[in-house]
C-alpha atoms as a PDB file:
ATOM      1  CA  MET A   1     186.463  74.907 176.852  1.00  0.00           C
ATOM      2  CA  GLU A   2     185.276  78.476 177.328  1.00  0.00           C
ATOM      3  CA  VAL A   3     182.757  79.918 174.864  1.00  0.00           C
ATOM      4  CA  ILE A   4     182.398  83.712 174.798  1.00  0.00           C
ATOM      5  CA  VAL A   5     179.397  85.204 172.992  1.00  0.00           C
ATOM      6  CA  ALA A   6     179.584  88.928 172.309  1.00  0.00           C
ATOM      7  CA  LYS A   7     176.951  90.921 174.176  1.00  0.00           C
ATOM      8  CA  THR A   8     176.554  93.135 171.112  1.00  0.00           C
ATOM      9  CA  ALA A   9     176.008  90.213 168.706  1.00  0.00           C
ATOM     10  CA  GLY A  10     172.818  90.149 166.652  1.00  0.00           C
ATOM     11  CA  PHE A  11     170.024  92.539 165.759  1.00  0.00           C
ATOM     12  CA  CYS A  12     170.727  96.191 166.421  1.00  0.00           C
ATOM     13  CA  PHE A  13     167.933  98.641 167.211  1.00  0.00           C
ATOM     14  CA  GLY A  14     167.442  99.769 163.611  1.00  0.00           C
ATOM     15  CA  VAL A  15     167.298  96.244 162.195  1.00  0.00           C
ATOM     16  CA  GLN A  16     164.937  94.977 164.901  1.00  0.00           C
ATOM     17  CA  ARG A  17     162.661  97.956 164.285  1.00  0.00           C
ATOM     18  CA  ALA A  18     162.614  97.317 160.514  1.00  0.00           C
ATOM     19  CA  VAL A  19     161.899  93.605 160.843  1.00  0.00           C
ATOM     20  CA  ASP A  20     159.145  94.259 163.378  1.00  0.00           C
ATOM     21  CA  LYS A  21     157.470  96.705 160.989  1.00  0.00           C
ATOM     22  CA  VAL A  22     157.312  94.089 158.238  1.00  0.00           C
ATOM     23  CA  TYR A  23     155.872  91.405 160.517  1.00  0.00           C
ATOM     24  CA  GLU A  24     153.305  93.920 161.778  1.00  0.00           C
ATOM     25  CA  GLN A  25     152.163  94.485 158.204  1.00  0.00           C
ATOM     26  CA  THR A  26     151.843  90.741 157.555  1.00  0.00           C
ATOM     27  CA  GLU A  27     149.497  90.501 160.534  1.00  0.00           C
ATOM     28  CA  LYS A  28     147.216  93.186 159.071  1.00  0.00           C
ATOM     29  CA  LYS A  29     146.772  91.208 155.838  1.00  0.00           C
ATOM     30  CA  LYS A  30     145.898  94.300 153.781  1.00  0.00           C
ATOM     31  CA  GLY A  31     146.833  93.455 150.204  1.00  0.00           C
ATOM     32  CA  THR A  32     150.276  92.636 148.878  1.00  0.00           C
ATOM     33  CA  ILE A  33     153.296  93.730 150.886  1.00  0.00           C
ATOM     34  CA  TYR A  34     156.548  94.713 149.208  1.00  0.00           C
ATOM     35  CA  THR A  35     159.923  95.710 150.602  1.00  0.00           C
ATOM     36  CA  TYR A  36     162.118  97.985 148.532  1.00  0.00           C
ATOM     37  CA  GLY A  37     165.213  95.830 148.525  1.00  0.00           C
ATOM     38  CA  PRO A  38     165.671  93.088 151.135  1.00  0.00           C
ATOM     39  CA  ILE A  39     164.528  94.553 154.456  1.00  0.00           C
ATOM     40  CA  ILE A  40     167.879  93.493 155.962  1.00  0.00           C
ATOM     41  CA  HIS A  41     170.921  91.581 154.723  1.00  0.00           C
ATOM     42  CA  ASN A  42     169.950  88.191 156.091  1.00  0.00           C
ATOM     43  CA  GLU A  43     168.702  85.422 153.815  1.00  0.00           C
ATOM     44  CA  GLU A  44     166.952  83.493 156.607  1.00  0.00           C
ATOM     45  CA  VAL A  45     164.801  86.481 157.570  1.00  0.00           C
ATOM     46  CA  VAL A  46     164.019  87.362 153.946  1.00  0.00           C
ATOM     47  CA  LYS A  47     162.969  83.756 153.194  1.00  0.00           C
ATOM     48  CA  ASP A  48     160.679  83.672 156.226  1.00  0.00           C
ATOM     49  CA  LEU A  49     159.013  86.899 155.127  1.00  0.00           C
ATOM     50  CA  GLU A  50     158.614  85.570 151.588  1.00  0.00           C
ATOM     51  CA  ALA A  51     156.826  82.531 153.049  1.00  0.00           C
ATOM     52  CA  ARG A  52     154.403  85.002 154.621  1.00  0.00           C
ATOM     53  CA  GLY A  53     153.723  86.638 151.260  1.00  0.00           C
ATOM     54  CA  VAL A  54     156.173  89.540 151.388  1.00  0.00           C
ATOM     55  CA  ARG A  55     157.759  90.294 148.038  1.00  0.00           C
ATOM     56  CA  VAL A  56     161.061  92.056 147.414  1.00  0.00           C
ATOM     57  CA  ILE A  57     161.265  94.837 144.823  1.00  0.00           C
ATOM     58  CA  GLU A  58     164.792  95.065 143.446  1.00  0.00           C
ATOM     59  CA  SER A  59     164.564  98.192 141.305  1.00  0.00           C
ATOM     60  CA  ARG A  60     162.761 101.440 140.561  1.00  0.00           C
ATOM     61  CA  ARG A  61     161.436  99.853 137.372  1.00  0.00           C
ATOM     62  CA  GLU A  62     159.656  97.141 139.368  1.00  0.00           C
ATOM     63  CA  LEU A  63     158.200  99.812 141.648  1.00  0.00           C
ATOM     64  CA  GLU A  64     156.882 101.741 138.646  1.00  0.00           C
ATOM     65  CA  GLN A  65     154.897  98.659 137.554  1.00  0.00           C
ATOM     66  CA  LEU A  66     152.968  98.322 140.829  1.00  0.00           C
ATOM     67  CA  ALA A  67     149.317  99.317 140.829  1.00  0.00           C
ATOM     68  CA  SER A  68     148.515  98.733 144.494  1.00  0.00           C
ATOM     69  CA  GLY A  69     149.910  97.405 147.750  1.00  0.00           C
ATOM     70  CA  THR A  70     152.101  98.434 150.656  1.00  0.00           C
ATOM     71  CA  VAL A  71     155.748  99.324 150.088  1.00  0.00           C
ATOM     72  CA  ILE A  72     158.109  99.137 153.061  1.00  0.00           C
ATOM     73  CA  ILE A  73     161.348 101.089 152.813  1.00  0.00           C
ATOM     74  CA  ARG A  74     164.310  98.908 153.834  1.00  0.00           C
ATOM     75  CA  SER A  75     166.402  99.612 156.919  1.00  0.00           C
ATOM     76  CA  HIS A  76     169.220 100.887 154.672  1.00  0.00           C
ATOM     77  CA  GLY A  77     167.000 103.680 153.356  1.00  0.00           C
ATOM     78  CA  VAL A  78     166.421 104.961 149.825  1.00  0.00           C
ATOM     79  CA  GLY A  79     166.747 108.217 147.917  1.00  0.00           C
ATOM     80  CA  ARG A  80     164.174 111.008 147.895  1.00  0.00           C
ATOM     81  CA  ASP A  81     162.934 110.047 144.415  1.00  0.00           C
ATOM     82  CA  ILE A  82     161.692 106.647 145.624  1.00  0.00           C
ATOM     83  CA  TYR A  83     159.486 108.300 148.262  1.00  0.00           C
ATOM     84  CA  ARG A  84     158.060 110.601 145.599  1.00  0.00           C
ATOM     85  CA  LEU A  85     157.314 107.724 143.236  1.00  0.00           C
ATOM     86  CA  ILE A  86     155.503 105.729 145.947  1.00  0.00           C
ATOM     87  CA  GLN A  87     153.373 108.746 146.806  1.00  0.00           C
ATOM     88  CA  GLU A  88     152.662 109.583 143.158  1.00  0.00           C
ATOM     89  CA  LYS A  89     151.422 106.040 142.536  1.00  0.00           C
ATOM     90  CA  GLY A  90     149.148 106.159 145.585  1.00  0.00           C
ATOM     91  CA  LEU A  91     150.793 103.165 147.243  1.00  0.00           C
ATOM     92  CA  GLU A  92     150.780 102.783 150.999  1.00  0.00           C
ATOM     93  CA  LEU A  93     154.185 103.703 152.417  1.00  0.00           C
ATOM     94  CA  VAL A  94     155.782 102.253 155.559  1.00  0.00           C
ATOM     95  CA  ASP A  95     159.181 103.718 156.338  1.00  0.00           C
ATOM     96  CA  ALA A  96     161.491 101.263 158.118  1.00  0.00           C
ATOM     97  CA  THR A  97     164.665 103.263 157.493  1.00  0.00           C
ATOM     98  CA  CYS A  98     167.038 103.076 160.442  1.00  0.00           C
ATOM     99  CA  PRO A  99     166.808 106.372 162.417  1.00  0.00           C
ATOM    100  CA  PHE A 100     170.624 106.693 162.310  1.00  0.00           C
ATOM    101  CA  VAL A 101     170.518 106.491 158.512  1.00  0.00           C
ATOM    102  CA  LYS A 102     167.640 108.992 158.412  1.00  0.00           C
ATOM    103  CA  LYS A 103     169.841 111.419 160.337  1.00  0.00           C
ATOM    104  CA  ILE A 104     172.473 111.198 157.593  1.00  0.00           C
ATOM    105  CA  HIS A 105     169.822 111.931 154.965  1.00  0.00           C
ATOM    106  CA  ARG A 106     168.890 115.143 156.793  1.00  0.00           C
ATOM    107  CA  ILE A 107     172.538 116.160 157.163  1.00  0.00           C
ATOM    108  CA  VAL A 108     173.517 115.700 153.509  1.00  0.00           C
ATOM    109  CA  GLU A 109     170.344 117.331 152.220  1.00  0.00           C
ATOM    110  CA  LYS A 110     170.916 120.428 154.373  1.00  0.00           C
ATOM    111  CA  GLU A 111     174.662 120.675 153.773  1.00  0.00           C
ATOM    112  CA  SER A 112     174.436 120.100 150.013  1.00  0.00           C
ATOM    113  CA  ARG A 113     171.649 122.681 149.654  1.00  0.00           C
ATOM    114  CA  GLU A 114     173.952 125.129 151.393  1.00  0.00           C
ATOM    115  CA  GLY A 115     176.505 124.564 148.649  1.00  0.00           C
ATOM    116  CA  LYS A 116     178.862 122.039 150.208  1.00  0.00           C
ATOM    117  CA  GLN A 117     180.189 119.056 148.321  1.00  0.00           C
ATOM    118  CA  ILE A 118     179.272 115.824 150.095  1.00  0.00           C
ATOM    119  CA  VAL A 119     181.897 113.150 150.648  1.00  0.00           C
ATOM    120  CA  ILE A 120     180.579 109.790 151.841  1.00  0.00           C
ATOM    121  CA  ILE A 121     183.076 107.414 153.452  1.00  0.00           C
ATOM    122  CA  GLY A 122     181.784 103.960 152.563  1.00  0.00           C
ATOM    123  CA  SER A 123     181.136 101.443 149.811  1.00  0.00           C
ATOM    124  CA  ASP A 124     179.678 103.008 146.664  1.00  0.00           C
ATOM    125  CA  SER A 125     177.619  99.908 145.850  1.00  0.00           C
ATOM    126  CA  HIS A 126     176.108  99.500 149.314  1.00  0.00           C
ATOM    127  CA  PRO A 127     172.342 100.226 149.411  1.00  0.00           C
ATOM    128  CA  GLU A 128     172.746 102.577 152.377  1.00  0.00           C
ATOM    129  CA  VAL A 129     175.245 104.690 150.455  1.00  0.00           C
ATOM    130  CA  GLU A 130     173.035 104.637 147.362  1.00  0.00           C
ATOM    131  CA  GLY A 131     170.198 105.970 149.515  1.00  0.00           C
ATOM    132  CA  ILE A 132     172.378 108.706 151.058  1.00  0.00           C
ATOM    133  CA  LYS A 133     173.452 109.862 147.596  1.00  0.00           C
ATOM    134  CA  GLY A 134     169.763 110.177 146.724  1.00  0.00           C
ATOM    135  CA  TRP A 135     169.363 112.985 149.286  1.00  0.00           C
ATOM    136  CA  CYS A 136     172.300 115.060 148.052  1.00  0.00           C
ATOM    137  CA  VAL A 137     172.068 118.075 145.775  1.00  0.00           C
ATOM    138  CA  GLY A 138     174.989 118.445 143.387  1.00  0.00           C
ATOM    139  CA  LYS A 139     178.144 116.374 143.083  1.00  0.00           C
ATOM    140  CA  THR A 140     178.753 113.605 145.616  1.00  0.00           C
ATOM    141  CA  THR A 141     181.943 111.603 146.075  1.00  0.00           C
ATOM    142  CA  VAL A 142     182.209 108.190 147.724  1.00  0.00           C
ATOM    143  CA  ILE A 143     185.575 107.172 149.202  1.00  0.00           C
ATOM    144  CA  ALA A 144     186.414 103.735 150.617  1.00  0.00           C
ATOM    145  CA  THR A 145     190.212 103.437 150.403  1.00  0.00           C
ATOM    146  CA  GLU A 146     193.375 105.379 151.177  1.00  0.00           C
ATOM    147  CA  GLU A 147     194.170 105.529 147.452  1.00  0.00           C
ATOM    148  CA  GLU A 148     190.804 107.154 146.714  1.00  0.00           C
ATOM    149  CA  ALA A 149     191.309 109.626 149.567  1.00  0.00           C
ATOM    150  CA  GLU A 150     194.808 110.510 148.342  1.00  0.00           C
ATOM    151  CA  GLY A 151     193.543 111.124 144.815  1.00  0.00           C
ATOM    152  CA  PHE A 152     190.457 113.105 145.828  1.00  0.00           C
ATOM    153  CA  VAL A 153     190.151 116.679 144.557  1.00  0.00           C
ATOM    154  CA  PRO A 154     186.933 118.626 145.283  1.00  0.00           C
ATOM    155  CA  GLU A 155     185.167 120.917 142.878  1.00  0.00           C
ATOM    156  CA  ALA A 156     186.797 124.338 142.696  1.00  0.00           C
ATOM    157  CA  GLY A 157     185.747 126.620 145.538  1.00  0.00           C
ATOM    158  CA  LYS A 158     183.635 123.974 147.271  1.00  0.00           C
ATOM    159  CA  ASN A 159     183.699 123.374 151.014  1.00  0.00           C
ATOM    160  CA  LEU A 160     183.305 119.765 152.071  1.00  0.00           C
ATOM    161  CA  CYS A 161     180.909 117.903 154.333  1.00  0.00           C
ATOM    162  CA  ILE A 162     182.211 114.415 155.118  1.00  0.00           C
ATOM    163  CA  VAL A 163     179.866 111.722 156.485  1.00  0.00           C
ATOM    164  CA  SER A 164     180.140 107.964 156.856  1.00  0.00           C
ATOM    165  CA  GLN A 165     178.177 104.844 156.087  1.00  0.00           C
ATOM    166  CA  THR A 166     176.827 103.770 159.489  1.00  0.00           C
ATOM    167  CA  THR A 167     178.547 100.368 159.361  1.00  0.00           C
ATOM    168  CA  PHE A 168     181.989 101.569 158.261  1.00  0.00           C
ATOM    169  CA  ASN A 169     185.073 100.762 160.340  1.00  0.00           C
ATOM    170  CA  ASN A 170     185.623 103.631 162.775  1.00  0.00           C
ATOM    171  CA  ASN A 171     189.429 103.583 162.590  1.00  0.00           C
ATOM    172  CA  LYS A 172     189.367 103.524 158.792  1.00  0.00           C
ATOM    173  CA  PHE A 173     186.940 106.454 158.790  1.00  0.00           C
ATOM    174  CA  LYS A 174     189.269 108.537 160.980  1.00  0.00           C
ATOM    175  CA  ASN A 175     192.245 107.624 158.806  1.00  0.00           C
ATOM    176  CA  LEU A 176     190.514 108.620 155.556  1.00  0.00           C
ATOM    177  CA  VAL A 177     189.264 111.890 157.061  1.00  0.00           C
ATOM    178  CA  GLU A 178     192.824 112.684 158.176  1.00  0.00           C
ATOM    179  CA  ILE A 179     194.174 112.089 154.667  1.00  0.00           C
ATOM    180  CA  ILE A 180     191.584 114.445 153.175  1.00  0.00           C
ATOM    181  CA  SER A 181     192.076 117.055 155.920  1.00  0.00           C
ATOM    182  CA  LYS A 182     195.855 117.158 155.355  1.00  0.00           C
ATOM    183  CA  LYS A 183     195.173 118.413 151.843  1.00  0.00           C
ATOM    184  CA  GLY A 184     194.068 121.683 153.393  1.00  0.00           C
ATOM    185  CA  TYR A 185     190.493 121.709 152.134  1.00  0.00           C
ATOM    186  CA  ASP A 186     187.816 123.500 154.146  1.00  0.00           C
ATOM    187  CA  SER A 187     185.930 120.468 155.449  1.00  0.00           C
ATOM    188  CA  ASN A 188     183.512 119.487 158.175  1.00  0.00           C
ATOM    189  CA  ALA A 189     183.708 115.788 159.109  1.00  0.00           C
ATOM    190  CA  ILE A 190     180.683 114.301 160.879  1.00  0.00           C
ATOM    191  CA  ASN A 191     181.200 110.806 162.257  1.00  0.00           C
ATOM    192  CA  THR A 192     177.876 109.144 161.441  1.00  0.00           C
ATOM    193  CA  ILE A 193     179.002 105.596 162.214  1.00  0.00           C
ATOM    194  CA  CYS A 194     176.332 103.990 164.387  1.00  0.00           C
ATOM    195  CA  SER A 195     177.434 103.757 168.018  1.00  0.00           C
ATOM    196  CA  ALA A 196     176.174 100.162 168.100  1.00  0.00           C
ATOM    197  CA  THR A 197     178.446  99.335 165.140  1.00  0.00           C
ATOM    198  CA  ASP A 198     181.468 100.843 166.863  1.00  0.00           C
ATOM    199  CA  GLU A 199     180.731  98.972 170.114  1.00  0.00           C
ATOM    200  CA  ARG A 200     180.208  95.717 168.210  1.00  0.00           C
ATOM    201  CA  GLN A 201     183.532  96.075 166.410  1.00  0.00           C
ATOM    202  CA  ARG A 202     185.474  96.935 169.574  1.00  0.00           C
ATOM    203  CA  GLU A 203     183.970  94.037 171.515  1.00  0.00           C
ATOM    204  CA  ALA A 204     184.660  91.614 168.657  1.00  0.00           C
ATOM    205  CA  ALA A 205     188.319  92.670 168.575  1.00  0.00           C
ATOM    206  CA  GLN A 206     188.648  92.218 172.341  1.00  0.00           C
ATOM    207  CA  ILE A 207     187.139  88.715 172.248  1.00  0.00           C
ATOM    208  CA  ALA A 208     189.219  87.706 169.217  1.00  0.00           C
ATOM    209  CA  LYS A 209     192.409  88.640 171.096  1.00  0.00           C
ATOM    210  CA  ARG A 210     191.484  86.140 173.827  1.00  0.00           C
ATOM    211  CA  ALA A 211     190.045  83.370 171.671  1.00  0.00           C
ATOM    212  CA  GLY A 212     191.893  80.535 169.986  1.00  0.00           C
ATOM    213  CA  ALA A 213     189.103  80.395 167.401  1.00  0.00           C
ATOM    214  CA  MET A 214     186.530  83.018 166.414  1.00  0.00           C
ATOM    215  CA  ILE A 215     183.174  82.497 164.698  1.00  0.00           C
ATOM    216  CA  VAL A 216     181.519  85.425 162.922  1.00  0.00           C
ATOM    217  CA  ILE A 217     177.869  84.919 161.956  1.00  0.00           C
ATOM    218  CA  GLY A 218     176.016  86.932 159.329  1.00  0.00           C
ATOM    219  CA  GLY A 219     174.761  87.212 155.777  1.00  0.00           C
ATOM    220  CA  ARG A 220     177.291  87.076 152.960  1.00  0.00           C
ATOM    221  CA  HIS A 221     176.078  90.457 151.695  1.00  0.00           C
ATOM    222  CA  SER A 222     176.129  92.109 155.116  1.00  0.00           C
ATOM    223  CA  SER A 223     178.669  94.930 155.127  1.00  0.00           C
ATOM    224  CA  ASN A 224     178.881  95.165 158.904  1.00  0.00           C
ATOM    225  CA  THR A 225     179.452  91.392 159.208  1.00  0.00           C
ATOM    226  CA  GLN A 226     182.217  91.485 156.603  1.00  0.00           C
ATOM    227  CA  LYS A 227     183.942  94.213 158.600  1.00  0.00           C
ATOM    228  CA  LEU A 228     183.579  92.187 161.800  1.00  0.00           C
ATOM    229  CA  PHE A 229     185.252  89.264 160.061  1.00  0.00           C
ATOM    230  CA  GLU A 230     188.154  91.462 158.920  1.00  0.00           C
ATOM    231  CA  ILE A 231     188.613  92.853 162.442  1.00  0.00           C
ATOM    232  CA  CYS A 232     188.516  89.412 164.078  1.00  0.00           C
ATOM    233  CA  GLN A 233     190.834  87.887 161.489  1.00  0.00           C
ATOM    234  CA  LYS A 234     193.519  90.440 162.383  1.00  0.00           C
ATOM    235  CA  GLU A 235     193.393  89.340 166.027  1.00  0.00           C
ATOM    236  CA  CYS A 236     192.738  85.606 165.590  1.00  0.00           C
ATOM    237  CA  GLU A 237     194.041  83.540 162.676  1.00  0.00           C
ATOM    238  CA  ASN A 238     191.387  80.842 163.238  1.00  0.00           C
ATOM    239  CA  THR A 239     188.429  83.050 162.302  1.00  0.00           C
ATOM    240  CA  TYR A 240     185.429  81.556 160.483  1.00  0.00           C
ATOM    241  CA  TYR A 241     182.638  83.390 158.625  1.00  0.00           C
ATOM    242  CA  ILE A 242     179.309  81.509 158.576  1.00  0.00           C
ATOM    243  CA  GLN A 243     175.696  82.350 157.774  1.00  0.00           C
ATOM    244  CA  THR A 244     174.017  79.577 159.767  1.00  0.00           C
ATOM    245  CA  LEU A 245     174.882  76.465 161.762  1.00  0.00           C
ATOM    246  CA  VAL A 246     174.887  74.431 158.532  1.00  0.00           C
ATOM    247  CA  ASP A 247     178.051  76.286 157.446  1.00  0.00           C
ATOM    248  CA  LEU A 248     179.806  75.494 160.729  1.00  0.00           C
ATOM    249  CA  GLU A 249     179.076  71.761 160.911  1.00  0.00           C
ATOM    250  CA  PRO A 250     181.680  70.709 158.275  1.00  0.00           C
ATOM    251  CA  ILE A 251     184.387  72.839 159.955  1.00  0.00           C
ATOM    252  CA  LEU A 252     186.752  71.111 162.344  1.00  0.00           C
ATOM    253  CA  LEU A 253     187.702  73.732 164.902  1.00  0.00           C
ATOM    254  CA  PRO A 254     191.269  73.468 166.214  1.00  0.00           C
ATOM    255  CA  PRO A 255     191.776  72.279 169.812  1.00  0.00           C
ATOM    256  CA  VAL A 256     191.652  75.559 171.717  1.00  0.00           C
ATOM    257  CA  ASP A 257     190.787  76.682 175.246  1.00  0.00           C
ATOM    258  CA  CYS A 258     188.462  79.493 174.155  1.00  0.00           C
ATOM    259  CA  VAL A 259     186.055  80.038 171.237  1.00  0.00           C
ATOM    260  CA  GLY A 260     184.577  83.478 170.598  1.00  0.00           C
ATOM    261  CA  ILE A 261     181.282  84.125 168.810  1.00  0.00           C
ATOM    262  CA  THR A 262     180.000  87.397 167.399  1.00  0.00           C
ATOM    263  CA  ALA A 263     177.371  88.261 164.791  1.00  0.00           C
ATOM    264  CA  GLY A 264     176.390  91.052 162.460  1.00  0.00           C
ATOM    265  CA  ALA A 265     173.502  93.428 163.037  1.00  0.00           C
ATOM    266  CA  SER A 266     171.208  91.424 160.735  1.00  0.00           C
ATOM    267  CA  THR A 267     171.658  88.058 162.443  1.00  0.00           C
ATOM    268  CA  PRO A 268     168.610  86.679 164.319  1.00  0.00           C
ATOM    269  CA  ASN A 269     169.167  85.644 167.926  1.00  0.00           C
ATOM    270  CA  HIS A 270     168.039  82.041 167.363  1.00  0.00           C
ATOM    271  CA  ILE A 271     170.883  81.462 164.888  1.00  0.00           C
ATOM    272  CA  ILE A 272     173.432  82.753 167.405  1.00  0.00           C
ATOM    273  CA  LYS A 273     172.013  80.440 170.089  1.00  0.00           C
ATOM    274  CA  GLU A 274     172.109  77.439 167.741  1.00  0.00           C
ATOM    275  CA  VAL A 275     175.780  78.048 167.016  1.00  0.00           C
ATOM    276  CA  GLN A 276     176.572  78.601 170.696  1.00  0.00           C
ATOM    277  CA  THR A 277     174.851  75.347 171.712  1.00  0.00           C
ATOM    278  CA  TYR A 278     176.580  73.389 168.941  1.00  0.00           C
ATOM    279  CA  VAL A 279     180.044  74.645 169.915  1.00  0.00           C
ATOM    280  CA  ARG A 280     179.470  73.846 173.598  1.00  0.00           C
ATOM    281  CA  ASN A 281     178.270  70.315 172.842  1.00  0.00           C
ATOM    282  CA  GLU A 282     180.558  69.297 169.994  1.00  0.00           C
ATOM    283  CA  PHE A 283     183.968  70.723 170.842  1.00  0.00           C
END
């Protein structure tokens, strides 16, 4: 049986950079270390960091109660007000925001200050989108579906600046932008989907077309992994979503000639290797 592991599977540049920054701080052992939100959407990594004394702050209210320590901004980024609060409280700040997300912050801040209404293509509840909204001035609209795009009406006299969550599906982004553009609004669409995300999704689709079974590895709360699963499921009916090897062990894969494996941007390499080894030895 052939086992194909996606070359793009696992930590992307931004995630690796964020995780490295946290581990670097644990080595310094300078007071309590906090991350604002989980540093990445992977429970295994977060648990390992907790074992090393890193605590997760889940809200602004928790941040307001801190008297000292180091606060690390998650890879998904946060709004401008969180930076201000950290500085006002005299806490040490380590910014692990993905550079691609930082770029979106600069775009929406500039464009909104110039009077444009910002439209974010993505999930309104995703922490990255919440952070992007925190850099906008004025009204911001988040659109994730065709229905929302069809029903969208901008503020009177406002030009639009359209950006995307970095992990959004590229084809869906183009489709939603087209729907909005057909309405005749004066808009500037900037495709801010991470190139690594686009490559990962395209490679996953290609492998899923060849494979008789497809395994997608990643955290349950990982947006980019969920999208990988959706893409693979369209090409391969035997597609399985797992977080770790433990989730795969009870699954009886069908007798196929080829199994494909891909993983979200927050999946550590050792988990991918464990799954790969298990599939090679057991099926």
